N, C-alpha and C. Protein backbone atom coordinates (compact mmCIF):
# COMPACT_ATOMS: atom_id res chain seq x y z
N MET A 1 -45.56 -16.16 -70.50
CA MET A 1 -44.82 -15.51 -71.41
C MET A 1 -44.09 -14.84 -70.68
N GLU A 2 -43.98 -14.07 -69.43
CA GLU A 2 -43.29 -13.00 -68.93
C GLU A 2 -42.09 -14.10 -68.32
N LEU A 3 -41.84 -15.44 -67.96
CA LEU A 3 -40.97 -16.26 -67.66
C LEU A 3 -40.10 -16.72 -68.65
N LEU A 4 -40.68 -16.66 -69.60
CA LEU A 4 -39.80 -17.16 -71.04
C LEU A 4 -39.04 -15.62 -71.51
N MET A 5 -39.66 -14.32 -71.22
CA MET A 5 -39.03 -13.39 -71.74
C MET A 5 -38.00 -13.09 -70.53
N ALA A 6 -38.44 -13.14 -69.34
CA ALA A 6 -37.45 -12.96 -68.50
C ALA A 6 -35.98 -13.85 -68.85
N ILE A 7 -36.21 -14.87 -69.35
CA ILE A 7 -34.90 -15.98 -69.45
C ILE A 7 -34.20 -15.63 -70.85
N VAL A 8 -34.78 -15.34 -71.35
CA VAL A 8 -34.42 -14.67 -72.88
C VAL A 8 -33.37 -13.23 -72.24
N ILE A 9 -34.28 -12.37 -71.66
CA ILE A 9 -33.40 -11.13 -71.15
C ILE A 9 -31.91 -11.39 -70.27
N GLY A 10 -32.26 -12.29 -69.23
CA GLY A 10 -30.83 -13.03 -68.63
C GLY A 10 -29.98 -13.49 -69.52
N ILE A 11 -30.28 -14.22 -70.58
CA ILE A 11 -29.56 -15.03 -71.51
C ILE A 11 -28.41 -13.74 -71.94
N LEU A 12 -29.79 -12.61 -72.60
CA LEU A 12 -29.18 -11.46 -73.40
C LEU A 12 -28.00 -10.86 -72.61
N PHE A 13 -28.04 -10.41 -71.59
CA PHE A 13 -27.81 -9.54 -70.61
C PHE A 13 -26.02 -10.20 -70.11
N MET A 14 -26.31 -11.73 -70.06
CA MET A 14 -25.06 -12.73 -69.58
C MET A 14 -23.99 -12.82 -71.00
N SER A 15 -24.90 -12.94 -71.45
CA SER A 15 -23.90 -12.84 -72.73
C SER A 15 -22.95 -11.65 -73.39
N ALA A 16 -24.19 -10.59 -73.36
CA ALA A 16 -23.48 -9.14 -73.40
C ALA A 16 -21.98 -8.71 -72.73
N THR A 17 -22.72 -9.40 -71.34
CA THR A 17 -21.67 -9.04 -70.09
C THR A 17 -20.45 -9.54 -70.77
N TYR A 18 -20.44 -10.95 -71.08
CA TYR A 18 -19.02 -11.50 -71.52
C TYR A 18 -18.20 -10.84 -72.62
N LEU A 19 -19.24 -10.64 -73.90
CA LEU A 19 -18.66 -9.94 -74.85
C LEU A 19 -17.79 -8.40 -74.41
N MET A 20 -18.69 -7.93 -73.73
CA MET A 20 -17.98 -6.43 -73.13
C MET A 20 -16.69 -7.04 -72.38
N LEU A 21 -16.53 -7.81 -72.01
CA LEU A 21 -15.22 -7.99 -70.91
C LEU A 21 -14.18 -8.90 -71.62
N SER A 22 -14.27 -9.09 -73.09
CA SER A 22 -13.17 -9.47 -73.83
C SER A 22 -12.23 -8.06 -74.49
N LYS A 23 -11.27 -8.85 -75.18
CA LYS A 23 -10.12 -7.84 -75.63
C LYS A 23 -10.43 -7.25 -76.81
N SER A 24 -11.55 -7.92 -77.55
CA SER A 24 -11.43 -7.18 -79.21
C SER A 24 -12.83 -6.22 -79.19
N ILE A 25 -12.28 -4.97 -79.83
CA ILE A 25 -13.09 -4.13 -79.64
C ILE A 25 -14.58 -4.38 -80.66
N LEU A 26 -14.30 -5.20 -81.40
CA LEU A 26 -15.58 -5.73 -82.14
C LEU A 26 -16.69 -6.46 -81.49
N ARG A 27 -15.98 -7.38 -80.69
CA ARG A 27 -17.04 -7.98 -79.47
C ARG A 27 -17.74 -7.15 -78.66
N ILE A 28 -16.79 -6.59 -77.96
CA ILE A 28 -17.41 -5.10 -77.23
C ILE A 28 -18.57 -4.63 -77.96
N ILE A 29 -18.24 -3.99 -79.07
CA ILE A 29 -19.62 -3.49 -79.81
C ILE A 29 -20.71 -4.50 -79.64
N ILE A 30 -20.53 -5.78 -80.09
CA ILE A 30 -21.08 -6.63 -80.11
C ILE A 30 -22.26 -6.74 -78.62
N GLY A 31 -21.39 -6.71 -77.89
CA GLY A 31 -21.78 -6.93 -76.55
C GLY A 31 -22.66 -5.52 -76.24
N THR A 32 -22.35 -4.37 -76.97
CA THR A 32 -23.37 -3.44 -76.48
C THR A 32 -24.77 -3.52 -77.01
N GLY A 33 -24.30 -3.84 -78.34
CA GLY A 33 -25.55 -4.12 -79.12
C GLY A 33 -26.46 -5.18 -78.49
N LEU A 34 -26.07 -6.27 -77.94
CA LEU A 34 -26.93 -7.51 -77.09
C LEU A 34 -27.60 -6.72 -75.82
N LEU A 35 -26.63 -5.93 -75.49
CA LEU A 35 -27.17 -5.11 -74.16
C LEU A 35 -28.30 -4.43 -74.30
N SER A 36 -28.49 -3.48 -75.49
CA SER A 36 -29.68 -2.66 -75.35
C SER A 36 -30.85 -3.65 -76.08
N HIS A 37 -30.44 -4.61 -76.89
CA HIS A 37 -31.63 -5.42 -77.13
C HIS A 37 -32.43 -6.22 -76.11
N GLY A 38 -31.19 -6.59 -75.17
CA GLY A 38 -32.05 -6.92 -73.37
C GLY A 38 -32.52 -5.61 -72.79
N ALA A 39 -32.37 -4.84 -73.04
CA ALA A 39 -32.79 -3.45 -72.38
C ALA A 39 -34.21 -3.07 -73.04
N HIS A 40 -34.22 -3.44 -74.34
CA HIS A 40 -35.56 -3.10 -75.23
C HIS A 40 -36.79 -4.02 -74.63
N LEU A 41 -36.11 -5.64 -74.32
CA LEU A 41 -37.09 -6.58 -74.43
C LEU A 41 -37.50 -6.33 -72.73
N LEU A 42 -36.65 -5.82 -71.80
CA LEU A 42 -36.89 -5.72 -70.36
C LEU A 42 -38.13 -4.59 -70.47
N ILE A 43 -37.96 -3.73 -71.10
CA ILE A 43 -39.12 -2.24 -71.18
C ILE A 43 -40.22 -2.79 -71.86
N LEU A 44 -40.11 -3.86 -72.64
CA LEU A 44 -41.55 -4.00 -73.09
C LEU A 44 -42.09 -5.30 -72.31
N THR A 45 -41.67 -6.23 -71.54
CA THR A 45 -41.95 -7.01 -70.38
C THR A 45 -42.69 -6.43 -69.01
N MET A 46 -41.75 -5.28 -69.04
CA MET A 46 -42.10 -4.55 -68.07
C MET A 46 -43.53 -3.70 -67.94
N GLY A 47 -43.61 -3.13 -68.96
CA GLY A 47 -44.86 -2.89 -69.75
C GLY A 47 -45.81 -3.65 -69.55
N GLY A 48 -45.51 -5.17 -69.78
CA GLY A 48 -46.87 -5.67 -69.76
C GLY A 48 -47.22 -6.57 -71.05
N LEU A 49 -47.02 -7.90 -70.89
CA LEU A 49 -47.63 -8.29 -72.33
C LEU A 49 -49.06 -8.96 -72.55
N LYS A 50 -49.55 -7.43 -72.78
CA LYS A 50 -51.36 -8.36 -72.18
C LYS A 50 -51.69 -7.78 -73.98
N GLY A 51 -53.14 -8.27 -74.25
CA GLY A 51 -53.77 -8.07 -75.85
C GLY A 51 -54.70 -6.77 -75.80
N GLY A 52 -55.05 -6.44 -76.84
CA GLY A 52 -55.65 -5.06 -76.32
C GLY A 52 -55.76 -4.56 -77.99
N SER A 53 -56.51 -3.62 -78.07
CA SER A 53 -56.77 -2.84 -79.15
C SER A 53 -55.33 -1.70 -79.21
N VAL A 54 -55.14 -1.11 -80.48
CA VAL A 54 -54.30 -0.19 -80.66
C VAL A 54 -55.23 1.12 -79.74
N PRO A 55 -54.25 2.14 -79.27
CA PRO A 55 -54.69 3.25 -78.24
C PRO A 55 -55.12 4.49 -79.23
N LEU A 56 -56.17 3.97 -80.03
CA LEU A 56 -56.64 5.02 -80.60
C LEU A 56 -58.60 5.42 -79.99
N LEU A 57 -58.84 6.22 -80.04
CA LEU A 57 -60.12 6.49 -79.31
C LEU A 57 -61.32 5.61 -79.84
N SER A 58 -62.20 5.01 -79.66
CA SER A 58 -63.47 4.33 -80.14
C SER A 58 -64.04 3.99 -78.99
N ASP A 59 -65.51 4.03 -79.50
CA ASP A 59 -66.54 3.66 -78.46
C ASP A 59 -66.71 1.74 -78.56
N LYS A 60 -66.24 1.39 -79.38
CA LYS A 60 -66.17 -0.16 -79.79
C LYS A 60 -65.25 -1.11 -78.79
N VAL A 61 -64.18 -0.23 -78.55
CA VAL A 61 -62.87 -1.23 -78.05
C VAL A 61 -63.27 -1.09 -76.36
N ALA A 62 -63.05 -2.11 -75.81
CA ALA A 62 -63.15 -1.72 -74.62
C ALA A 62 -61.95 -1.91 -73.78
N SER A 63 -60.68 -2.53 -73.88
CA SER A 63 -59.14 -2.44 -73.81
C SER A 63 -58.36 -2.07 -74.50
N TYR A 64 -56.91 -1.34 -74.04
CA TYR A 64 -56.45 -0.53 -75.19
C TYR A 64 -55.16 -1.03 -74.32
N VAL A 65 -54.16 -1.10 -75.48
CA VAL A 65 -52.68 -1.55 -75.11
C VAL A 65 -51.77 -0.11 -74.71
N ASP A 66 -51.07 -0.26 -73.47
CA ASP A 66 -50.30 0.92 -73.41
C ASP A 66 -49.35 1.19 -74.07
N PRO A 67 -49.30 2.56 -74.44
CA PRO A 67 -48.32 3.08 -75.93
C PRO A 67 -47.16 3.46 -75.41
N LEU A 68 -47.28 3.56 -73.84
CA LEU A 68 -45.51 3.99 -73.53
C LEU A 68 -44.04 3.35 -73.56
N PRO A 69 -44.71 2.04 -73.42
CA PRO A 69 -43.30 1.15 -73.32
C PRO A 69 -42.73 1.05 -75.23
N GLN A 70 -44.13 0.91 -76.05
CA GLN A 70 -43.63 0.96 -77.42
C GLN A 70 -42.79 2.25 -77.79
N ALA A 71 -43.22 3.33 -77.17
CA ALA A 71 -42.71 5.09 -77.56
C ALA A 71 -41.07 4.61 -77.19
N LEU A 72 -41.21 4.23 -75.60
CA LEU A 72 -39.75 4.36 -74.91
C LEU A 72 -38.54 3.34 -75.87
N ILE A 73 -39.41 1.98 -76.29
CA ILE A 73 -38.76 1.02 -76.96
C ILE A 73 -38.09 1.53 -78.28
N LEU A 74 -39.08 2.30 -78.93
CA LEU A 74 -38.63 3.11 -80.40
C LEU A 74 -37.50 4.09 -80.26
N THR A 75 -37.48 4.98 -79.04
CA THR A 75 -36.74 6.02 -78.96
C THR A 75 -35.32 5.14 -78.63
N ALA A 76 -35.83 4.34 -77.67
CA ALA A 76 -33.99 3.48 -77.58
C ALA A 76 -33.73 2.98 -78.80
N ILE A 77 -34.44 2.39 -79.43
CA ILE A 77 -33.66 1.64 -80.69
C ILE A 77 -32.93 2.63 -81.60
N VAL A 78 -33.72 3.88 -81.80
CA VAL A 78 -32.97 4.99 -82.62
C VAL A 78 -31.55 5.67 -81.82
N ILE A 79 -31.68 5.44 -80.30
CA ILE A 79 -30.43 5.65 -79.60
C ILE A 79 -29.44 4.93 -79.91
N SER A 80 -29.62 3.53 -79.61
CA SER A 80 -28.60 2.65 -79.64
C SER A 80 -28.22 2.27 -81.16
N PHE A 81 -28.95 2.46 -82.12
CA PHE A 81 -28.43 2.61 -83.63
C PHE A 81 -27.33 3.72 -83.41
N GLY A 82 -27.65 4.51 -83.28
CA GLY A 82 -26.81 5.76 -83.24
C GLY A 82 -25.48 5.44 -82.70
N VAL A 83 -25.51 5.22 -81.62
CA VAL A 83 -24.29 4.98 -80.80
C VAL A 83 -23.72 3.66 -81.69
N THR A 84 -24.24 2.65 -81.94
CA THR A 84 -23.23 1.39 -82.42
C THR A 84 -22.78 1.80 -83.33
N SER A 85 -23.36 2.37 -84.59
CA SER A 85 -22.70 3.21 -86.09
C SER A 85 -21.37 4.11 -85.66
N PHE A 86 -21.83 4.79 -84.13
CA PHE A 86 -20.68 5.79 -83.78
C PHE A 86 -19.30 4.81 -83.29
N LEU A 87 -19.80 3.55 -82.84
CA LEU A 87 -18.71 2.78 -82.09
C LEU A 87 -18.30 2.26 -83.18
N LEU A 88 -18.80 1.63 -84.20
CA LEU A 88 -17.84 1.04 -85.46
C LEU A 88 -17.31 1.50 -86.12
N VAL A 89 -17.51 3.00 -86.18
CA VAL A 89 -16.70 4.20 -87.33
C VAL A 89 -15.44 4.24 -86.67
N LEU A 90 -15.72 4.25 -85.10
CA LEU A 90 -14.57 4.46 -84.53
C LEU A 90 -13.73 3.50 -84.29
N ALA A 91 -14.03 2.04 -84.18
CA ALA A 91 -13.42 0.99 -84.12
C ALA A 91 -12.52 1.02 -85.75
N TYR A 92 -13.22 1.44 -86.61
CA TYR A 92 -12.54 0.95 -88.04
C TYR A 92 -11.64 2.21 -88.45
N ARG A 93 -11.88 3.30 -87.45
CA ARG A 93 -10.67 4.31 -87.93
C ARG A 93 -9.60 3.68 -86.80
N THR A 94 -9.93 3.39 -85.70
CA THR A 94 -8.57 2.65 -84.70
C THR A 94 -7.85 1.84 -85.41
N TYR A 95 -8.85 0.88 -86.23
CA TYR A 95 -8.19 -0.52 -86.77
C TYR A 95 -7.34 0.01 -88.28
N GLN A 96 -7.75 1.08 -88.51
CA GLN A 96 -6.76 2.09 -89.64
C GLN A 96 -5.46 2.27 -89.24
N GLU A 97 -5.58 3.10 -88.41
CA GLU A 97 -4.61 3.98 -87.63
C GLU A 97 -3.51 2.84 -86.98
N LEU A 98 -3.78 1.88 -86.07
CA LEU A 98 -2.91 1.14 -85.16
C LEU A 98 -2.89 -0.31 -85.69
N GLY A 99 -3.61 -0.68 -86.48
CA GLY A 99 -3.78 -2.05 -87.25
C GLY A 99 -4.37 -3.29 -86.36
N THR A 100 -4.45 -2.75 -85.44
CA THR A 100 -5.05 -3.93 -84.43
C THR A 100 -6.59 -3.73 -83.50
N ASP A 101 -7.22 -4.72 -83.30
CA ASP A 101 -8.29 -4.51 -82.39
C ASP A 101 -8.63 -5.15 -80.96
N ASP A 102 -7.10 -5.58 -80.63
CA ASP A 102 -7.07 -5.96 -79.24
C ASP A 102 -6.80 -4.66 -78.40
N MET A 103 -7.44 -4.64 -77.14
CA MET A 103 -7.41 -3.52 -76.51
C MET A 103 -6.08 -3.54 -75.39
N GLU A 104 -5.46 -4.65 -75.34
CA GLU A 104 -4.24 -4.79 -74.85
C GLU A 104 -3.17 -3.95 -75.49
N GLU A 105 -2.93 -4.44 -76.90
CA GLU A 105 -2.00 -3.84 -77.89
C GLU A 105 -2.26 -2.31 -77.96
N MET A 106 -3.16 -1.97 -77.74
CA MET A 106 -4.05 -0.56 -78.11
C MET A 106 -3.43 0.22 -76.70
N ARG A 107 -3.34 -0.52 -75.79
CA ARG A 107 -2.91 0.23 -74.51
C ARG A 107 -1.64 0.60 -74.54
N GLY A 108 -0.85 -0.10 -75.21
CA GLY A 108 0.70 0.09 -75.24
C GLY A 108 1.17 0.16 -74.14
N THR A 109 2.76 0.36 -74.12
CA THR A 109 3.37 0.20 -72.91
C THR A 109 4.69 1.23 -73.24
N GLU A 110 5.16 1.88 -72.01
CA GLU A 110 6.29 2.80 -72.28
C GLU A 110 7.34 2.32 -73.33
N ALA A 111 7.84 1.13 -73.24
CA ALA A 111 8.78 0.80 -73.86
C ALA A 111 8.24 0.92 -75.67
N ASN A 112 7.19 0.64 -75.80
CA ASN A 112 6.49 0.77 -77.33
C ASN A 112 6.71 2.40 -77.64
N GLU A 113 6.46 3.40 -76.92
CA GLU A 113 6.33 4.58 -77.80
C GLU A 113 7.81 4.99 -77.90
């Protein structure tokens, strides 16, 4: 299962890098979202994909699942949601002001100013 997860993480990182290198702001935002999803899966996979009971103290259960990777992923999901929403609002406002989402056109030249 770890091998399959490693392949999926690699595909997510590869597609995120491709999208983040494009000229469209919307593609860059989607790329950052994919990159964060890949990082979440990476943390989960590095924490170990093992079975066990919930981490509550009990005499009946012998093995527990480590809650630290789950807590880190939950925190990372909240942070990536905030960053993605900020980037979407920023891109929307930029499109309203400039009328384009192309990074090359937004850069402008001295002749256009």
